[in-house]
Amino acid sequence: TTPATNTDMLEKMQSSNEWVKNAKVIIILRSLENFMQFSLRAIRMK
C-alpha cells in the first residue's frame, strides 16, 4: 500500500470513529433523559 492509501484509510477510520463516538453520546443522553423523566414521575407519585 502507498502512504496516500494509508492516509486515506486513516482518515476514514477517524471519521468512522467520530461517528461511533457521537452515536454513543446520543444514546447515552437519550437513556439519561428517559431515566430522569421516569424518576421525576416516580417522585411526583409519592
N, C-alpha and C. Protein backbone atom coordinates (compact mmCIF):
# COMPACT_ATOMS: atom_id res chain seq x y z
N THR A 1 0.84 -1.20 0.00
CA THR A 1 0.00 0.00 0.00
C THR A 1 0.88 1.25 0.00
N THR A 2 0.36 2.27 -0.60
CA THR A 2 1.11 3.52 -0.68
C THR A 2 0.81 4.37 0.55
N PRO A 3 1.68 5.30 0.87
CA PRO A 3 1.40 6.19 2.01
C PRO A 3 0.08 6.95 1.85
N ALA A 4 -0.25 7.32 0.60
CA ALA A 4 -1.50 8.04 0.35
C ALA A 4 -2.70 7.16 0.72
N THR A 5 -2.61 5.88 0.36
CA THR A 5 -3.70 4.95 0.69
C THR A 5 -3.84 4.81 2.19
N ASN A 6 -2.72 4.70 2.88
CA ASN A 6 -2.75 4.60 4.34
C ASN A 6 -3.37 5.84 4.96
N THR A 7 -3.03 7.00 4.42
CA THR A 7 -3.58 8.26 4.93
C THR A 7 -5.09 8.30 4.72
N ASP A 8 -5.54 7.89 3.52
CA ASP A 8 -6.98 7.87 3.24
C ASP A 8 -7.70 6.92 4.20
N MET A 9 -7.10 5.74 4.40
CA MET A 9 -7.72 4.77 5.30
C MET A 9 -7.78 5.30 6.72
N LEU A 10 -6.72 5.96 7.15
CA LEU A 10 -6.67 6.53 8.50
C LEU A 10 -7.75 7.59 8.66
N GLU A 11 -7.90 8.45 7.65
CA GLU A 11 -8.93 9.49 7.71
C GLU A 11 -10.32 8.88 7.77
N LYS A 12 -10.56 7.84 6.98
CA LYS A 12 -11.87 7.17 7.01
C LYS A 12 -12.13 6.55 8.37
N MET A 13 -11.11 5.91 8.94
CA MET A 13 -11.27 5.29 10.26
C MET A 13 -11.55 6.35 11.32
N GLN A 14 -10.86 7.48 11.24
CA GLN A 14 -11.06 8.54 12.23
C GLN A 14 -12.47 9.10 12.12
N SER A 15 -12.96 9.32 10.88
CA SER A 15 -14.31 9.86 10.73
C SER A 15 -15.33 8.82 11.18
N SER A 16 -15.04 7.54 10.94
CA SER A 16 -15.92 6.47 11.39
C SER A 16 -15.93 6.42 12.92
N ASN A 17 -14.75 6.52 13.53
CA ASN A 17 -14.66 6.52 15.00
C ASN A 17 -15.41 7.71 15.58
N GLU A 18 -15.31 8.86 14.91
CA GLU A 18 -16.01 10.06 15.36
C GLU A 18 -17.52 9.82 15.32
N TRP A 19 -17.99 9.19 14.24
CA TRP A 19 -19.41 8.90 14.10
C TRP A 19 -19.88 7.97 15.21
N VAL A 20 -19.09 6.93 15.49
CA VAL A 20 -19.43 5.97 16.55
C VAL A 20 -19.48 6.67 17.90
N LYS A 21 -18.50 7.54 18.14
CA LYS A 21 -18.46 8.28 19.41
C LYS A 21 -19.70 9.16 19.55
N ASN A 22 -20.07 9.87 18.48
CA ASN A 22 -21.25 10.72 18.52
C ASN A 22 -22.51 9.90 18.75
N ALA A 23 -22.61 8.75 18.10
CA ALA A 23 -23.77 7.88 18.26
C ALA A 23 -23.88 7.42 19.71
N LYS A 24 -22.76 7.05 20.32
CA LYS A 24 -22.76 6.60 21.72
C LYS A 24 -23.22 7.72 22.64
N VAL A 25 -22.74 8.93 22.39
CA VAL A 25 -23.13 10.07 23.23
C VAL A 25 -24.63 10.30 23.13
N ILE A 26 -25.17 10.24 21.91
CA ILE A 26 -26.60 10.46 21.71
C ILE A 26 -27.41 9.39 22.45
N ILE A 27 -26.99 8.13 22.34
CA ILE A 27 -27.69 7.04 23.01
C ILE A 27 -27.65 7.22 24.53
N ILE A 28 -26.48 7.57 25.05
CA ILE A 28 -26.34 7.78 26.50
C ILE A 28 -27.22 8.93 26.97
N LEU A 29 -27.24 10.02 26.22
CA LEU A 29 -28.05 11.17 26.62
C LEU A 29 -29.54 10.84 26.57
N ARG A 30 -29.97 10.08 25.56
CA ARG A 30 -31.38 9.67 25.50
C ARG A 30 -31.74 8.80 26.69
N SER A 31 -30.85 7.87 27.03
CA SER A 31 -31.09 6.99 28.17
C SER A 31 -31.18 7.81 29.46
N LEU A 32 -30.30 8.78 29.60
CA LEU A 32 -30.31 9.64 30.77
C LEU A 32 -31.61 10.44 30.83
N GLU A 33 -32.04 10.95 29.69
CA GLU A 33 -33.29 11.72 29.63
C GLU A 33 -34.47 10.84 30.04
N ASN A 34 -34.53 9.62 29.52
CA ASN A 34 -35.61 8.69 29.89
C ASN A 34 -35.58 8.38 31.38
N PHE A 35 -34.40 8.14 31.91
CA PHE A 35 -34.25 7.84 33.33
C PHE A 35 -34.73 9.02 34.18
N MET A 36 -34.34 10.23 33.79
CA MET A 36 -34.73 11.41 34.57
C MET A 36 -36.24 11.63 34.51
N GLN A 37 -36.85 11.42 33.34
CA GLN A 37 -38.30 11.57 33.23
C GLN A 37 -39.01 10.54 34.11
N PHE A 38 -38.52 9.29 34.07
CA PHE A 38 -39.11 8.23 34.89
C PHE A 38 -38.96 8.58 36.37
N SER A 39 -37.79 9.05 36.77
CA SER A 39 -37.53 9.41 38.17
C SER A 39 -38.44 10.54 38.61
N LEU A 40 -38.63 11.52 37.74
CA LEU A 40 -39.48 12.65 38.07
C LEU A 40 -40.92 12.19 38.29
N ARG A 41 -41.40 11.29 37.42
CA ARG A 41 -42.75 10.75 37.59
C ARG A 41 -42.85 9.98 38.90
N ALA A 42 -41.84 9.20 39.22
CA ALA A 42 -41.86 8.41 40.46
C ALA A 42 -41.89 9.32 41.68
N ILE A 43 -41.14 10.42 41.62
CA ILE A 43 -41.10 11.36 42.75
C ILE A 43 -42.45 12.05 42.90
N ARG A 44 -43.09 12.42 41.78
CA ARG A 44 -44.39 13.09 41.84
C ARG A 44 -45.47 12.18 42.40
N MET A 45 -45.35 10.86 42.17
CA MET A 45 -46.37 9.92 42.63
C MET A 45 -46.36 9.75 44.14
N LYS A 46 -45.24 10.01 44.79
CA LYS A 46 -45.14 9.79 46.24
C LYS A 46 -45.97 10.79 47.01
